[in-house]
């Protein structure tokens, strides 16, 4: 993990990315925001978090999408192209 406020140590929560020292999962913070909670509401709900932790969690979640999901979508699109080509190519 590139951000010092996020931990993905396999000995802590099985390596699930979480706020370092708080053991609050990145996805918990991101989903809370998606569900309409403000940063202040998240901090009230999880007092072990700092404001910088919530920002780091969002940055981590965004980075995960960039790294994992977008290449997978591109790979899926290429697979579909290859399948289409294989159905249309002469035998």
PDB file of N, CA and C in Angstrom:
ATOM      1  N   UNK A   1       0.864  -1.167   0.000  1.00  0.00           N
ATOM      2  CA  UNK A   1       0.000   0.000   0.000  1.00  0.00           C
ATOM      3  C   UNK A   1       0.908   1.227   0.000  1.00  0.00           C
ATOM      4  N   UNK A   2       0.600   2.190  -0.809  1.00  0.00           N
ATOM      5  CA  UNK A   2       1.492   3.333  -0.956  1.00  0.00           C
ATOM      6  C   UNK A   2       1.220   4.443   0.059  1.00  0.00           C
ATOM      7  N   UNK A   3       0.098   4.406   0.743  1.00  0.00           N
ATOM      8  CA  UNK A   3      -0.227   5.474   1.676  1.00  0.00           C
ATOM      9  C   UNK A   3       0.028   5.015   3.101  1.00  0.00           C
ATOM     10  N   UNK A   4       0.738   5.830   3.868  1.00  0.00           N
ATOM     11  CA  UNK A   4       1.113   5.448   5.234  1.00  0.00           C
ATOM     12  C   UNK A   4      -0.080   5.315   6.178  1.00  0.00           C
ATOM     13  N   UNK A   5      -1.199   5.887   5.857  1.00  0.00           N
ATOM     14  CA  UNK A   5      -2.380   5.815   6.731  1.00  0.00           C
ATOM     15  C   UNK A   5      -3.221   4.571   6.462  1.00  0.00           C
ATOM     16  N   UNK A   6      -2.860   3.801   5.429  1.00  0.00           N
ATOM     17  CA  UNK A   6      -3.590   2.588   5.074  1.00  0.00           C
ATOM     18  C   UNK A   6      -2.672   1.387   5.271  1.00  0.00           C
ATOM     19  N   UNK A   7      -3.230   0.347   5.870  1.00  0.00           N
ATOM     20  CA  UNK A   7      -2.476  -0.886   6.093  1.00  0.00           C
ATOM     21  C   UNK A   7      -3.141  -2.025   5.339  1.00  0.00           C
ATOM     22  N   UNK A   8      -2.309  -2.870   4.732  1.00  0.00           N
ATOM     23  CA  UNK A   8      -2.817  -4.105   4.143  1.00  0.00           C
ATOM     24  C   UNK A   8      -1.949  -5.279   4.592  1.00  0.00           C
ATOM     25  N   UNK A   9      -1.546  -5.207   5.839  1.00  0.00           N
ATOM     26  CA  UNK A   9      -0.711  -6.235   6.461  1.00  0.00           C
ATOM     27  C   UNK A   9      -1.530  -7.510   6.644  1.00  0.00           C
ATOM     28  N   UNK A  10      -1.005  -8.617   6.168  1.00  0.00           N
ATOM     29  CA  UNK A  10      -1.747  -9.879   6.242  1.00  0.00           C
ATOM     30  C   UNK A  10      -2.018 -10.325   7.685  1.00  0.00           C
ATOM     31  N   UNK A  11      -1.277  -9.777   8.638  1.00  0.00           N
ATOM     32  CA  UNK A  11      -1.486 -10.139  10.044  1.00  0.00           C
ATOM     33  C   UNK A  11      -2.598  -9.327  10.696  1.00  0.00           C
ATOM     34  N   UNK A  12      -3.054  -8.286  10.014  1.00  0.00           N
ATOM     35  CA  UNK A  12      -4.115  -7.422  10.548  1.00  0.00           C
ATOM     36  C   UNK A  12      -5.322  -7.540   9.642  1.00  0.00           C
ATOM     37  N   UNK A  13      -6.391  -8.042  10.163  1.00  0.00           N
ATOM     38  CA  UNK A  13      -7.650  -8.200   9.428  1.00  0.00           C
ATOM     39  C   UNK A  13      -7.463  -8.982   8.121  1.00  0.00           C
ATOM     40  N   UNK A  14      -6.533  -9.922   8.143  1.00  0.00           N
ATOM     41  CA  UNK A  14      -6.319 -10.780   6.980  1.00  0.00           C
ATOM     42  C   UNK A  14      -5.789 -10.069   5.754  1.00  0.00           C
ATOM     43  N   UNK A  15      -5.227  -8.889   5.929  1.00  0.00           N
ATOM     44  CA  UNK A  15      -4.674  -8.150   4.796  1.00  0.00           C
ATOM     45  C   UNK A  15      -5.663  -7.269   4.071  1.00  0.00           C
ATOM     46  N   UNK A  16      -6.895  -7.193   4.586  1.00  0.00           N
ATOM     47  CA  UNK A  16      -7.892  -6.309   3.984  1.00  0.00           C
ATOM     48  C   UNK A  16      -7.441  -4.868   4.237  1.00  0.00           C
ATOM     49  N   UNK A  17      -7.380  -4.016   3.208  1.00  0.00           N
ATOM     50  CA  UNK A  17      -6.943  -2.632   3.426  1.00  0.00           C
ATOM     51  C   UNK A  17      -7.830  -1.925   4.457  1.00  0.00           C
ATOM     52  N   UNK A  18      -7.168  -1.333   5.447  1.00  0.00           N
ATOM     53  CA  UNK A  18      -7.890  -0.624   6.501  1.00  0.00           C
ATOM     54  C   UNK A  18      -7.068   0.574   6.957  1.00  0.00           C
ATOM     55  N   UNK A  19      -7.730   1.455   7.703  1.00  0.00           N
ATOM     56  CA  UNK A  19      -7.029   2.607   8.267  1.00  0.00           C
ATOM     57  C   UNK A  19      -6.012   2.090   9.268  1.00  0.00           C
ATOM     58  N   UNK A  20      -4.760   2.431   9.072  1.00  0.00           N
ATOM     59  CA  UNK A  20      -3.690   1.936   9.923  1.00  0.00           C
ATOM     60  C   UNK A  20      -3.944   2.309  11.383  1.00  0.00           C
ATOM     61  N   UNK A  21      -3.886   1.326  12.252  1.00  0.00           N
ATOM     62  CA  UNK A  21      -4.078   1.554  13.676  1.00  0.00           C
ATOM     63  C   UNK A  21      -5.529   1.590  14.110  1.00  0.00           C
ATOM     64  N   UNK A  22      -6.446   1.701  13.183  1.00  0.00           N
ATOM     65  CA  UNK A  22      -7.859   1.811  13.552  1.00  0.00           C
ATOM     66  C   UNK A  22      -8.641   0.535  13.254  1.00  0.00           C
ATOM     67  N   UNK A  23      -8.128  -0.289  12.356  1.00  0.00           N
ATOM     68  CA  UNK A  23      -8.800  -1.509  11.922  1.00  0.00           C
ATOM     69  C   UNK A  23     -10.227  -1.250  11.430  1.00  0.00           C
ATOM     70  N   UNK A  24     -10.389  -0.148  10.730  1.00  0.00           N
ATOM     71  CA  UNK A  24     -11.641   0.164  10.038  1.00  0.00           C
ATOM     72  C   UNK A  24     -11.345  -0.016   8.557  1.00  0.00           C
ATOM     73  N   UNK A  25     -12.101  -0.896   7.911  1.00  0.00           N
ATOM     74  CA  UNK A  25     -11.827  -1.219   6.514  1.00  0.00           C
ATOM     75  C   UNK A  25     -12.049  -0.017   5.597  1.00  0.00           C
ATOM     76  N   UNK A  26     -11.227   0.055   4.565  1.00  0.00           N
ATOM     77  CA  UNK A  26     -11.356   1.087   3.540  1.00  0.00           C
ATOM     78  C   UNK A  26     -12.764   1.053   2.959  1.00  0.00           C
ATOM     79  N   UNK A  27     -13.272  -0.139   2.698  1.00  0.00           N
ATOM     80  CA  UNK A  27     -14.601  -0.255   2.110  1.00  0.00           C
ATOM     81  C   UNK A  27     -15.689   0.243   3.056  1.00  0.00           C
ATOM     82  N   UNK A  28     -15.481   0.111   4.347  1.00  0.00           N
ATOM     83  CA  UNK A  28     -16.452   0.613   5.321  1.00  0.00           C
ATOM     84  C   UNK A  28     -16.576   2.122   5.210  1.00  0.00           C
ATOM     85  N   UNK A  29     -15.445   2.791   5.115  1.00  0.00           N
ATOM     86  CA  UNK A  29     -15.449   4.254   4.998  1.00  0.00           C
ATOM     87  C   UNK A  29     -16.039   4.676   3.655  1.00  0.00           C
ATOM     88  N   UNK A  30     -15.593   4.031   2.582  1.00  0.00           N
ATOM     89  CA  UNK A  30     -16.086   4.397   1.249  1.00  0.00           C
ATOM     90  C   UNK A  30     -17.592   4.162   1.136  1.00  0.00           C
ATOM     91  N   UNK A  31     -18.070   3.025   1.622  1.00  0.00           N
ATOM     92  CA  UNK A  31     -19.506   2.742   1.556  1.00  0.00           C
ATOM     93  C   UNK A  31     -20.308   3.708   2.418  1.00  0.00           C
ATOM     94  N   UNK A  32     -19.748   4.095   3.536  1.00  0.00           N
ATOM     95  CA  UNK A  32     -20.431   5.063   4.397  1.00  0.00           C
ATOM     96  C   UNK A  32     -20.659   6.364   3.647  1.00  0.00           C
ATOM     97  N   UNK A  33     -19.644   6.801   2.912  1.00  0.00           N
ATOM     98  CA  UNK A  33     -19.788   8.033   2.138  1.00  0.00           C
ATOM     99  C   UNK A  33     -20.772   7.852   0.992  1.00  0.00           C
ATOM    100  N   UNK A  34     -20.719   6.704   0.333  1.00  0.00           N
ATOM    101  CA  UNK A  34     -21.656   6.431  -0.750  1.00  0.00           C
ATOM    102  C   UNK A  34     -23.090   6.446  -0.218  1.00  0.00           C
ATOM    103  N   UNK A  35     -23.263   5.981   1.011  1.00  0.00           N
ATOM    104  CA  UNK A  35     -24.591   5.937   1.625  1.00  0.00           C
ATOM    105  C   UNK A  35     -25.007   7.275   2.227  1.00  0.00           C
ATOM    106  N   UNK A  36     -24.218   8.322   1.994  1.00  0.00           N
ATOM    107  CA  UNK A  36     -24.626   9.665   2.373  1.00  0.00           C
ATOM    108  C   UNK A  36     -24.051  10.217   3.663  1.00  0.00           C
ATOM    109  N   UNK A  37     -23.239   9.443   4.370  1.00  0.00           N
ATOM    110  CA  UNK A  37     -22.645   9.983   5.589  1.00  0.00           C
ATOM    111  C   UNK A  37     -21.573  11.008   5.234  1.00  0.00           C
ATOM    112  N   UNK A  38     -21.505  12.061   6.007  1.00  0.00           N
ATOM    113  CA  UNK A  38     -20.450  13.058   5.827  1.00  0.00           C
ATOM    114  C   UNK A  38     -19.201  12.585   6.560  1.00  0.00           C
ATOM    115  N   UNK A  39     -18.094  13.240   6.278  1.00  0.00           N
ATOM    116  CA  UNK A  39     -16.862  12.902   6.981  1.00  0.00           C
ATOM    117  C   UNK A  39     -17.046  13.069   8.487  1.00  0.00           C
ATOM    118  N   UNK A  40     -17.706  14.146   8.902  1.00  0.00           N
ATOM    119  CA  UNK A  40     -17.929  14.368  10.336  1.00  0.00           C
ATOM    120  C   UNK A  40     -18.772  13.258  10.956  1.00  0.00           C
ATOM    121  N   UNK A  41     -19.772  12.767  10.224  1.00  0.00           N
ATOM    122  CA  UNK A  41     -20.603  11.672  10.730  1.00  0.00           C
ATOM    123  C   UNK A  41     -19.799  10.373  10.846  1.00  0.00           C
ATOM    124  N   UNK A  42     -18.923  10.137   9.883  1.00  0.00           N
ATOM    125  CA  UNK A  42     -18.067   8.943   9.938  1.00  0.00           C
ATOM    126  C   UNK A  42     -17.112   9.040  11.121  1.00  0.00           C
ATOM    127  N   UNK A  43     -16.544  10.231  11.323  1.00  0.00           N
ATOM    128  CA  UNK A  43     -15.633  10.421  12.452  1.00  0.00           C
ATOM    129  C   UNK A  43     -16.350  10.246  13.789  1.00  0.00           C
ATOM    130  N   UNK A  44     -17.603  10.652  13.856  1.00  0.00           N
ATOM    131  CA  UNK A  44     -18.382  10.470  15.081  1.00  0.00           C
ATOM    132  C   UNK A  44     -18.689   8.994  15.309  1.00  0.00           C
ATOM    133  N   UNK A  45     -18.966   8.285  14.220  1.00  0.00           N
ATOM    134  CA  UNK A  45     -19.296   6.858  14.312  1.00  0.00           C
ATOM    135  C   UNK A  45     -18.067   6.013  14.624  1.00  0.00           C
ATOM    136  N   UNK A  46     -16.918   6.412  14.102  1.00  0.00           N
ATOM    137  CA  UNK A  46     -15.660   5.696  14.303  1.00  0.00           C
ATOM    138  C   UNK A  46     -14.631   6.664  14.883  1.00  0.00           C
ATOM    139  N   UNK A  47     -14.684   6.937  16.173  1.00  0.00           N
ATOM    140  CA  UNK A  47     -13.806   7.949  16.775  1.00  0.00           C
ATOM    141  C   UNK A  47     -12.315   7.611  16.697  1.00  0.00           C
ATOM    142  N   UNK A  48     -11.989   6.377  16.403  1.00  0.00           N
ATOM    143  CA  UNK A  48     -10.574   6.013  16.270  1.00  0.00           C
ATOM    144  C   UNK A  48      -9.968   6.493  14.949  1.00  0.00           C
ATOM    145  N   UNK A  49     -10.814   6.991  14.039  1.00  0.00           N
ATOM    146  CA  UNK A  49     -10.334   7.526  12.766  1.00  0.00           C
ATOM    147  C   UNK A  49     -10.008   9.008  12.889  1.00  0.00           C
ATOM    148  N   UNK A  50      -9.051   9.435  12.100  1.00  0.00           N
ATOM    149  CA  UNK A  50      -8.748  10.862  11.939  1.00  0.00           C
ATOM    150  C   UNK A  50      -9.282  11.292  10.569  1.00  0.00           C
ATOM    151  N   UNK A  51      -9.495  12.570  10.401  1.00  0.00           N
ATOM    152  CA  UNK A  51      -9.985  13.093   9.121  1.00  0.00           C
ATOM    153  C   UNK A  51      -9.081  12.635   7.972  1.00  0.00           C
ATOM    154  N   UNK A  52      -7.780  12.636   8.208  1.00  0.00           N
ATOM    155  CA  UNK A  52      -6.830  12.210   7.177  1.00  0.00           C
ATOM    156  C   UNK A  52      -7.022  10.734   6.820  1.00  0.00           C
ATOM    157  N   UNK A  53      -7.482   9.923   7.788  1.00  0.00           N
ATOM    158  CA  UNK A  53      -7.749   8.515   7.507  1.00  0.00           C
ATOM    159  C   UNK A  53      -8.888   8.367   6.501  1.00  0.00           C
ATOM    160  N   UNK A  54      -9.937   9.178   6.660  1.00  0.00           N
ATOM    161  CA  UNK A  54     -11.063   9.076   5.732  1.00  0.00           C
ATOM    162  C   UNK A  54     -10.627   9.462   4.315  1.00  0.00           C
ATOM    163  N   UNK A  55      -9.792  10.480   4.220  1.00  0.00           N
ATOM    164  CA  UNK A  55      -9.288  10.895   2.909  1.00  0.00           C
ATOM    165  C   UNK A  55      -8.409   9.806   2.306  1.00  0.00           C
ATOM    166  N   UNK A  56      -7.579   9.182   3.146  1.00  0.00           N
ATOM    167  CA  UNK A  56      -6.714   8.112   2.669  1.00  0.00           C
ATOM    168  C   UNK A  56      -7.534   6.901   2.224  1.00  0.00           C
ATOM    169  N   UNK A  57      -8.614   6.607   2.932  1.00  0.00           N
ATOM    170  CA  UNK A  57      -9.485   5.491   2.546  1.00  0.00           C
ATOM    171  C   UNK A  57     -10.111   5.737   1.178  1.00  0.00           C
ATOM    172  N   UNK A  58     -10.564   6.951   0.946  1.00  0.00           N
ATOM    173  CA  UNK A  58     -11.151   7.272  -0.364  1.00  0.00           C
ATOM    174  C   UNK A  58     -10.098   7.193  -1.468  1.00  0.00           C
ATOM    175  N   UNK A  59      -8.909   7.680  -1.186  1.00  0.00           N
ATOM    176  CA  UNK A  59      -7.833   7.609  -2.172  1.00  0.00           C
ATOM    177  C   UNK A  59      -7.477   6.156  -2.475  1.00  0.00           C
ATOM    178  N   UNK A  60      -7.454   5.325  -1.442  1.00  0.00           N
ATOM    179  CA  UNK A  60      -7.164   3.903  -1.623  1.00  0.00           C
ATOM    180  C   UNK A  60      -8.248   3.234  -2.458  1.00  0.00           C
ATOM    181  N   UNK A  61      -9.504   3.522  -2.150  1.00  0.00           N
ATOM    182  CA  UNK A  61     -10.620   2.937  -2.901  1.00  0.00           C
ATOM    183  C   UNK A  61     -10.557   3.360  -4.370  1.00  0.00           C
ATOM    184  N   UNK A  62     -10.269   4.615  -4.611  1.00  0.00           N
ATOM    185  CA  UNK A  62     -10.151   5.101  -5.988  1.00  0.00           C
ATOM    186  C   UNK A  62      -8.982   4.428  -6.696  1.00  0.00           C
ATOM    187  N   UNK A  63      -7.888   4.275  -5.993  1.00  0.00           N
ATOM    188  CA  UNK A  63      -6.721   3.605  -6.569  1.00  0.00           C
ATOM    189  C   UNK A  63      -7.002   2.148  -6.899  1.00  0.00           C
ATOM    190  N   UNK A  64      -7.795   1.493  -6.058  1.00  0.00           N
ATOM    191  CA  UNK A  64      -8.134   0.089  -6.307  1.00  0.00           C
ATOM    192  C   UNK A  64      -8.938  -0.045  -7.589  1.00  0.00           C
ATOM    193  N   UNK A  65      -9.822   0.892  -7.838  1.00  0.00           N
ATOM    194  CA  UNK A  65     -10.606   0.864  -9.068  1.00  0.00           C
ATOM    195  C   UNK A  65      -9.687   1.072 -10.265  1.00  0.00           C
ATOM    196  N   UNK A  66      -8.782   2.036 -10.158  1.00  0.00           N
ATOM    197  CA  UNK A  66      -7.854   2.297 -11.257  1.00  0.00           C
ATOM    198  C   UNK A  66      -6.986   1.085 -11.559  1.00  0.00           C
ATOM    199  N   UNK A  67      -6.489   0.444 -10.517  1.00  0.00           N
ATOM    200  CA  UNK A  67      -5.538  -0.643 -10.685  1.00  0.00           C
ATOM    201  C   UNK A  67      -6.206  -1.950 -11.071  1.00  0.00           C
ATOM    202  N   UNK A  68      -7.319  -2.270 -10.429  1.00  0.00           N
ATOM    203  CA  UNK A  68      -7.910  -3.590 -10.608  1.00  0.00           C
ATOM    204  C   UNK A  68      -9.062  -3.613 -11.600  1.00  0.00           C
ATOM    205  N   UNK A  69      -9.979  -2.700 -11.476  1.00  0.00           N
ATOM    206  CA  UNK A  69     -11.216  -2.812 -12.232  1.00  0.00           C
ATOM    207  C   UNK A  69     -11.067  -2.359 -13.678  1.00  0.00           C
ATOM    208  N   UNK A  70     -10.413  -1.246 -13.899  1.00  0.00           N
ATOM    209  CA  UNK A  70     -10.329  -0.735 -15.266  1.00  0.00           C
ATOM    210  C   UNK A  70      -9.552  -1.667 -16.188  1.00  0.00           C
ATOM    211  N   UNK A  71      -8.391  -2.191 -15.778  1.00  0.00           N
ATOM    212  CA  UNK A  71      -7.735  -3.162 -16.658  1.00  0.00           C
ATOM    213  C   UNK A  71      -8.596  -4.407 -16.876  1.00  0.00           C
ATOM    214  N   UNK A  72      -9.341  -4.823 -15.857  1.00  0.00           N
ATOM    215  CA  UNK A  72     -10.212  -5.994 -16.015  1.00  0.00           C
ATOM    216  C   UNK A  72     -11.294  -5.709 -17.051  1.00  0.00           C
ATOM    217  N   UNK A  73     -11.825  -4.500 -17.050  1.00  0.00           N
ATOM    218  CA  UNK A  73     -12.828  -4.139 -18.050  1.00  0.00           C
ATOM    219  C   UNK A  73     -12.215  -4.142 -19.436  1.00  0.00           C
ATOM    220  N   UNK A  74     -10.999  -3.622 -19.547  1.00  0.00           N
ATOM    221  CA  UNK A  74     -10.322  -3.611 -20.842  1.00  0.00           C
ATOM    222  C   UNK A  74     -10.055  -5.040 -21.290  1.00  0.00           C
ATOM    223  N   UNK A  75      -9.619  -5.901 -20.361  1.00  0.00           N
ATOM    224  CA  UNK A  75      -9.391  -7.301 -20.694  1.00  0.00           C
ATOM    225  C   UNK A  75     -10.687  -7.969 -21.136  1.00  0.00           C
ATOM    226  N   UNK A  76     -11.781  -7.688 -20.438  1.00  0.00           N
ATOM    227  CA  UNK A  76     -13.077  -8.268 -20.801  1.00  0.00           C
ATOM    228  C   UNK A  76     -13.485  -7.824 -22.197  1.00  0.00           C
ATOM    229  N   UNK A  77     -13.267  -6.558 -22.503  1.00  0.00           N
ATOM    230  CA  UNK A  77     -13.609  -6.057 -23.837  1.00  0.00           C
ATOM    231  C   UNK A  77     -12.773  -6.771 -24.898  1.00  0.00           C
ATOM    232  N   UNK A  78     -11.508  -6.972 -24.616  1.00  0.00           N
ATOM    233  CA  UNK A  78     -10.628  -7.671 -25.578  1.00  0.00           C
ATOM    234  C   UNK A  78     -11.062  -9.122 -25.742  1.00  0.00           C
ATOM    235  N   UNK A  79     -11.461  -9.766 -24.663  1.00  0.00           N
ATOM    236  CA  UNK A  79     -11.938 -11.149 -24.738  1.00  0.00           C
ATOM    237  C   UNK A  79     -13.167 -11.224 -25.626  1.00  0.00           C
ATOM    238  N   UNK A  80     -14.086 -10.266 -25.462  1.00  0.00           N
ATOM    239  CA  UNK A  80     -15.279 -10.233 -26.304  1.00  0.00           C
ATOM    240  C   UNK A  80     -14.914 -10.040 -27.772  1.00  0.00           C
ATOM    241  N   UNK A  81     -13.929  -9.187 -28.031  1.00  0.00           N
ATOM    242  CA  UNK A  81     -13.478  -8.988 -29.409  1.00  0.00           C
ATOM    243  C   UNK A  81     -12.921 -10.283 -29.985  1.00  0.00           C
ATOM    244  N   UNK A  82     -12.103 -10.969 -29.202  1.00  0.00           N
ATOM    245  CA  UNK A  82     -11.509 -12.220 -29.672  1.00  0.00           C
ATOM    246  C   UNK A  82     -12.574 -13.282 -29.924  1.00  0.00           C
ATOM    247  N   UNK A  83     -13.571 -13.342 -29.035  1.00  0.00           N
ATOM    248  CA  UNK A  83     -14.663 -14.293 -29.236  1.00  0.00           C
ATOM    249  C   UNK A  83     -15.427 -13.974 -30.507  1.00  0.00           C
ATOM    250  N   UNK A  84     -15.721 -12.690 -30.715  1.00  0.00           N
ATOM    251  CA  UNK A  84     -16.445 -12.294 -31.924  1.00  0.00           C
ATOM    252  C   UNK A  84     -15.647 -12.644 -33.163  1.00  0.00           C
ATOM    253  N   UNK A  85     -14.335 -12.410 -33.124  1.00  0.00           N
ATOM    254  CA  UNK A  85     -13.486 -12.750 -34.258  1.00  0.00           C
ATOM    255  C   UNK A  85     -13.477 -14.248 -34.517  1.00  0.00           C
ATOM    256  N   UNK A  86     -13.471 -15.036 -33.459  1.00  0.00           N
ATOM    257  CA  UNK A  86     -13.414 -16.481 -33.639  1.00  0.00           C
ATOM    258  C   UNK A  86     -14.690 -17.022 -34.245  1.00  0.00           C
ATOM    259  N   UNK A  87     -15.841 -16.389 -33.986  1.00  0.00           N
ATOM    260  CA  UNK A  87     -17.100 -16.832 -34.569  1.00  0.00           C
ATOM    261  C   UNK A  87     -17.230 -16.416 -36.030  1.00  0.00           C
ATOM    262  N   UNK A  88     -16.534 -15.354 -36.409  1.00  0.00           N
ATOM    263  CA  UNK A  88     -16.663 -14.827 -37.762  1.00  0.00           C
ATOM    264  C   UNK A  88     -15.492 -15.219 -38.674  1.00  0.00           C
ATOM    265  N   UNK A  89     -14.489 -15.868 -38.137  1.00  0.00           N
ATOM    266  CA  UNK A  89     -13.348 -16.224 -38.969  1.00  0.00           C
ATOM    267  C   UNK A  89     -13.652 -17.501 -39.757  1.00  0.00           C
ATOM    268  N   UNK A  90     -13.124 -17.595 -40.985  1.00  0.00           N
ATOM    269  CA  UNK A  90     -13.375 -18.811 -41.792  1.00  0.00           C
ATOM    270  C   UNK A  90     -12.681 -20.017 -41.167  1.00  0.00           C
ATOM    271  N   UNK A  91     -13.316 -21.152 -41.239  1.00  0.00           N
ATOM    272  CA  UNK A  91     -12.779 -22.369 -40.641  1.00  0.00           C
ATOM    273  C   UNK A  91     -11.811 -23.076 -41.545  1.00  0.00           C
TER     274      UNK A  91
END
